[in-house]
N, C-alpha and C. Protein backbone atom coordinates (compact mmCIF):
# COMPACT_ATOMS: atom_id res chain seq x y z
N UNK A 1 -248.28 -82.11 84.54
CA UNK A 1 -247.44 -81.56 85.58
C UNK A 1 -246.00 -81.39 85.09
N UNK A 2 -245.51 -82.35 84.35
CA UNK A 2 -244.13 -82.28 83.87
C UNK A 2 -243.93 -81.07 82.97
N UNK A 3 -244.96 -80.72 82.20
CA UNK A 3 -244.82 -79.59 81.28
C UNK A 3 -244.79 -78.26 82.03
N UNK A 4 -245.55 -78.16 83.12
CA UNK A 4 -245.50 -76.93 83.91
C UNK A 4 -244.10 -76.78 84.53
N UNK A 5 -243.53 -77.90 84.97
CA UNK A 5 -242.19 -77.87 85.54
C UNK A 5 -241.17 -77.46 84.48
N UNK A 6 -241.37 -77.95 83.27
CA UNK A 6 -240.48 -77.59 82.16
C UNK A 6 -240.55 -76.10 81.89
N UNK A 7 -241.75 -75.54 81.87
CA UNK A 7 -241.91 -74.11 81.64
C UNK A 7 -241.29 -73.31 82.78
N UNK A 8 -241.43 -73.80 84.00
CA UNK A 8 -240.84 -73.12 85.16
C UNK A 8 -239.31 -73.12 85.07
N UNK A 9 -238.75 -74.26 84.70
CA UNK A 9 -237.29 -74.36 84.57
C UNK A 9 -236.77 -73.44 83.47
N UNK A 10 -237.52 -73.35 82.37
CA UNK A 10 -237.10 -72.46 81.29
C UNK A 10 -237.19 -71.01 81.72
N UNK A 11 -238.21 -70.68 82.51
CA UNK A 11 -238.31 -69.32 83.05
C UNK A 11 -237.13 -68.99 83.94
N UNK A 12 -236.72 -69.95 84.77
CA UNK A 12 -235.55 -69.75 85.62
C UNK A 12 -234.29 -69.56 84.76
N UNK A 13 -234.20 -70.33 83.67
CA UNK A 13 -233.06 -70.21 82.76
C UNK A 13 -233.00 -68.81 82.16
N UNK A 14 -234.17 -68.30 81.69
CA UNK A 14 -234.19 -66.96 81.10
C UNK A 14 -233.80 -65.90 82.14
N UNK A 15 -234.19 -66.11 83.40
CA UNK A 15 -233.80 -65.16 84.45
C UNK A 15 -232.29 -65.19 84.66
N UNK A 16 -231.70 -66.40 84.72
CA UNK A 16 -230.24 -66.51 84.86
C UNK A 16 -229.53 -65.92 83.65
N UNK A 17 -230.09 -66.15 82.47
CA UNK A 17 -229.51 -65.62 81.24
C UNK A 17 -229.52 -64.10 81.26
N UNK A 18 -230.60 -63.51 81.74
CA UNK A 18 -230.70 -62.06 81.82
C UNK A 18 -229.69 -61.46 82.79
N UNK A 19 -229.32 -62.22 83.81
CA UNK A 19 -228.33 -61.75 84.79
C UNK A 19 -226.91 -62.10 84.38
N UNK A 20 -226.77 -62.79 83.25
CA UNK A 20 -225.43 -63.15 82.78
C UNK A 20 -224.85 -64.36 83.49
N UNK A 21 -225.69 -65.16 84.13
CA UNK A 21 -225.21 -66.31 84.89
C UNK A 21 -225.45 -67.63 84.16
N UNK A 22 -225.84 -67.57 82.89
CA UNK A 22 -226.07 -68.80 82.11
C UNK A 22 -225.62 -68.57 80.67
N UNK A 23 -225.25 -69.66 80.04
CA UNK A 23 -224.88 -69.59 78.62
C UNK A 23 -226.15 -69.73 77.79
N UNK A 24 -226.18 -69.04 76.67
CA UNK A 24 -227.34 -69.08 75.80
C UNK A 24 -227.44 -70.43 75.11
N UNK A 25 -228.63 -71.01 75.12
CA UNK A 25 -228.88 -72.26 74.41
C UNK A 25 -228.99 -71.94 72.93
N UNK A 26 -228.22 -72.63 72.13
CA UNK A 26 -228.23 -72.38 70.69
C UNK A 26 -229.32 -73.21 70.03
N UNK A 27 -230.19 -72.58 69.23
CA UNK A 27 -231.23 -73.35 68.54
C UNK A 27 -230.66 -74.47 67.68
N UNK A 28 -229.49 -74.27 67.11
CA UNK A 28 -228.88 -75.32 66.28
C UNK A 28 -228.59 -76.57 67.11
N UNK A 29 -228.20 -76.39 68.37
CA UNK A 29 -227.95 -77.54 69.24
C UNK A 29 -229.24 -78.30 69.51
N UNK A 30 -230.33 -77.57 69.73
CA UNK A 30 -231.62 -78.22 69.96
C UNK A 30 -232.06 -78.96 68.70
N UNK A 31 -231.83 -78.37 67.55
CA UNK A 31 -232.18 -79.03 66.28
C UNK A 31 -231.40 -80.33 66.09
N UNK A 32 -230.13 -80.35 66.49
CA UNK A 32 -229.34 -81.57 66.40
C UNK A 32 -229.93 -82.66 67.28
N UNK A 33 -230.37 -82.28 68.47
CA UNK A 33 -230.97 -83.25 69.38
C UNK A 33 -232.28 -83.80 68.78
N UNK A 34 -233.07 -82.92 68.17
CA UNK A 34 -234.32 -83.36 67.55
C UNK A 34 -234.04 -84.37 66.45
N UNK A 35 -233.03 -84.12 65.63
CA UNK A 35 -232.67 -85.05 64.56
C UNK A 35 -232.29 -86.41 65.15
N UNK A 36 -231.50 -86.42 66.21
CA UNK A 36 -231.10 -87.67 66.85
C UNK A 36 -232.30 -88.40 67.45
N UNK A 37 -233.21 -87.65 68.07
CA UNK A 37 -234.39 -88.27 68.66
C UNK A 37 -235.30 -88.87 67.59
N UNK A 38 -235.44 -88.18 66.48
CA UNK A 38 -236.27 -88.72 65.39
C UNK A 38 -235.65 -89.99 64.80
N UNK A 39 -234.32 -90.01 64.67
CA UNK A 39 -233.64 -91.21 64.17
C UNK A 39 -233.83 -92.36 65.15
N UNK A 40 -233.76 -92.08 66.42
CA UNK A 40 -233.99 -93.11 67.45
C UNK A 40 -235.42 -93.63 67.37
N UNK A 41 -236.36 -92.73 67.15
CA UNK A 41 -237.77 -93.13 67.03
C UNK A 41 -237.96 -94.08 65.85
N UNK A 42 -237.37 -93.75 64.72
CA UNK A 42 -237.47 -94.61 63.53
C UNK A 42 -236.84 -95.98 63.82
N UNK A 43 -235.70 -95.99 64.48
CA UNK A 43 -235.03 -97.25 64.80
C UNK A 43 -235.89 -98.10 65.74
N UNK A 44 -236.56 -97.47 66.68
CA UNK A 44 -237.42 -98.21 67.60
C UNK A 44 -238.63 -98.80 66.89
N UNK A 45 -239.19 -98.05 65.95
CA UNK A 45 -240.34 -98.58 65.19
C UNK A 45 -239.91 -99.79 64.37
N UNK A 46 -238.73 -99.71 63.78
CA UNK A 46 -238.21 -100.85 63.01
C UNK A 46 -237.95 -102.04 63.93
N UNK A 47 -237.41 -101.78 65.11
CA UNK A 47 -237.15 -102.85 66.06
C UNK A 47 -238.45 -103.50 66.50
N UNK A 48 -239.49 -102.71 66.63
CA UNK A 48 -240.80 -103.25 67.02
C UNK A 48 -241.32 -104.25 65.99
N UNK A 49 -241.10 -103.96 64.71
CA UNK A 49 -241.56 -104.89 63.67
C UNK A 49 -240.71 -106.15 63.65
N UNK A 50 -239.44 -106.05 64.04
CA UNK A 50 -238.55 -107.21 64.03
C UNK A 50 -238.68 -108.07 65.28
N UNK A 51 -239.06 -107.47 66.40
CA UNK A 51 -239.15 -108.19 67.67
C UNK A 51 -240.53 -107.97 68.31
N UNK A 52 -241.56 -108.55 67.75
CA UNK A 52 -242.90 -108.32 68.30
C UNK A 52 -243.07 -108.88 69.72
N UNK A 53 -242.22 -109.82 70.12
CA UNK A 53 -242.33 -110.38 71.47
C UNK A 53 -241.94 -109.36 72.55
N UNK A 54 -241.22 -108.31 72.18
CA UNK A 54 -240.83 -107.27 73.13
C UNK A 54 -241.68 -106.01 72.94
N UNK A 55 -242.92 -106.22 72.58
CA UNK A 55 -243.85 -105.13 72.25
C UNK A 55 -243.98 -104.10 73.37
N UNK A 56 -244.19 -104.54 74.60
CA UNK A 56 -244.42 -103.61 75.71
C UNK A 56 -243.21 -102.73 75.97
N UNK A 57 -242.04 -103.33 75.99
CA UNK A 57 -240.81 -102.58 76.28
C UNK A 57 -240.53 -101.56 75.19
N UNK A 58 -240.63 -101.98 73.95
CA UNK A 58 -240.31 -101.09 72.83
C UNK A 58 -241.36 -99.99 72.70
N UNK A 59 -242.62 -100.32 72.94
CA UNK A 59 -243.68 -99.31 72.88
C UNK A 59 -243.45 -98.23 73.93
N UNK A 60 -243.00 -98.62 75.11
CA UNK A 60 -242.71 -97.64 76.16
C UNK A 60 -241.56 -96.72 75.72
N UNK A 61 -240.56 -97.29 75.07
CA UNK A 61 -239.44 -96.48 74.58
C UNK A 61 -239.88 -95.53 73.47
N UNK A 62 -240.77 -96.00 72.61
CA UNK A 62 -241.28 -95.14 71.54
C UNK A 62 -242.06 -93.98 72.13
N UNK A 63 -242.87 -94.27 73.13
CA UNK A 63 -243.65 -93.21 73.79
C UNK A 63 -242.73 -92.17 74.43
N UNK A 64 -241.67 -92.64 75.08
CA UNK A 64 -240.72 -91.72 75.71
C UNK A 64 -240.01 -90.87 74.65
N UNK A 65 -239.66 -91.47 73.53
CA UNK A 65 -238.99 -90.72 72.46
C UNK A 65 -239.93 -89.66 71.89
N UNK A 66 -241.20 -90.00 71.71
CA UNK A 66 -242.16 -89.02 71.20
C UNK A 66 -242.33 -87.86 72.18
N UNK A 67 -242.35 -88.16 73.47
CA UNK A 67 -242.46 -87.10 74.48
C UNK A 67 -241.24 -86.18 74.44
N UNK A 68 -240.06 -86.77 74.32
CA UNK A 68 -238.83 -85.97 74.26
C UNK A 68 -238.78 -85.10 73.00
N UNK A 69 -239.25 -85.64 71.89
CA UNK A 69 -239.30 -84.86 70.65
C UNK A 69 -240.23 -83.67 70.83
N UNK A 70 -241.38 -83.90 71.43
CA UNK A 70 -242.32 -82.81 71.68
C UNK A 70 -241.74 -81.73 72.58
N UNK A 71 -241.05 -82.15 73.61
CA UNK A 71 -240.41 -81.18 74.51
C UNK A 71 -239.32 -80.39 73.82
N UNK A 72 -238.52 -81.07 73.00
CA UNK A 72 -237.44 -80.39 72.29
C UNK A 72 -237.99 -79.38 71.28
N UNK A 73 -239.07 -79.77 70.59
CA UNK A 73 -239.68 -78.84 69.64
C UNK A 73 -240.28 -77.63 70.37
N UNK A 74 -240.87 -77.88 71.53
CA UNK A 74 -241.41 -76.78 72.34
C UNK A 74 -240.28 -75.84 72.77
N UNK A 75 -239.16 -76.42 73.22
CA UNK A 75 -238.02 -75.61 73.64
C UNK A 75 -237.51 -74.77 72.48
N UNK A 76 -237.42 -75.36 71.31
CA UNK A 76 -236.97 -74.62 70.13
C UNK A 76 -237.89 -73.45 69.84
N UNK A 77 -239.19 -73.66 69.95
CA UNK A 77 -240.15 -72.57 69.71
C UNK A 77 -240.02 -71.49 70.76
N UNK A 78 -239.78 -71.86 72.02
CA UNK A 78 -239.64 -70.88 73.08
C UNK A 78 -238.36 -70.06 72.92
N UNK A 79 -237.30 -70.71 72.42
CA UNK A 79 -236.04 -69.99 72.21
C UNK A 79 -236.18 -68.97 71.08
N UNK A 80 -237.08 -69.24 70.15
CA UNK A 80 -237.28 -68.32 69.03
C UNK A 80 -238.06 -67.08 69.46
N UNK A 81 -238.78 -67.18 70.58
CA UNK A 81 -239.55 -66.05 71.08
C UNK A 81 -238.65 -65.07 71.82
N UNK A 82 -239.23 -63.95 72.16
CA UNK A 82 -238.56 -62.97 73.01
C UNK A 82 -238.42 -63.58 74.41
N UNK A 83 -237.29 -63.40 75.04
CA UNK A 83 -237.05 -63.97 76.37
C UNK A 83 -238.00 -63.40 77.41
N UNK A 84 -238.58 -62.24 77.18
CA UNK A 84 -239.49 -61.64 78.14
C UNK A 84 -240.94 -62.05 77.91
N UNK A 85 -241.21 -62.78 76.84
CA UNK A 85 -242.58 -63.22 76.55
C UNK A 85 -242.99 -64.27 77.58
N UNK A 86 -244.27 -64.32 77.93
CA UNK A 86 -244.72 -65.33 78.90
C UNK A 86 -244.56 -66.73 78.33
N UNK A 87 -244.16 -67.65 79.18
CA UNK A 87 -243.97 -69.02 78.76
C UNK A 87 -245.29 -69.77 78.81
N UNK A 88 -245.51 -70.59 77.83
CA UNK A 88 -246.70 -71.42 77.79
C UNK A 88 -246.28 -72.88 77.79
N UNK A 89 -246.76 -73.68 78.75
CA UNK A 89 -246.42 -75.10 78.73
C UNK A 89 -246.94 -75.75 77.46
N UNK A 90 -246.27 -76.79 76.99
CA UNK A 90 -246.73 -77.47 75.79
C UNK A 90 -248.12 -78.08 76.03
N UNK A 91 -248.90 -78.13 74.99
CA UNK A 91 -250.24 -78.71 75.08
C UNK A 91 -250.14 -80.22 74.97
N UNK A 92 -250.83 -80.93 75.84
CA UNK A 92 -250.82 -82.40 75.81
C UNK A 92 -251.72 -82.93 74.76
């Protein structure tokens, strides 16, 4: 469900962009976010090995980071497409 909502929001963004009511998202900015998310993921994996007693909490954070990385990569791929192309939600 979250991915369909993401695709819907991106469709709304492209509509606003076409009307000149939104600023264009720069792929370089999305790439910077992906780099930061990957670094955070690595740090969380290292923390998991150092603090095994906090396994559940850290595992949940790792899962969230992986989901965010997937969404950011999907967004980057959608930005590379034509704005008029149909949007496809990311595959789970």
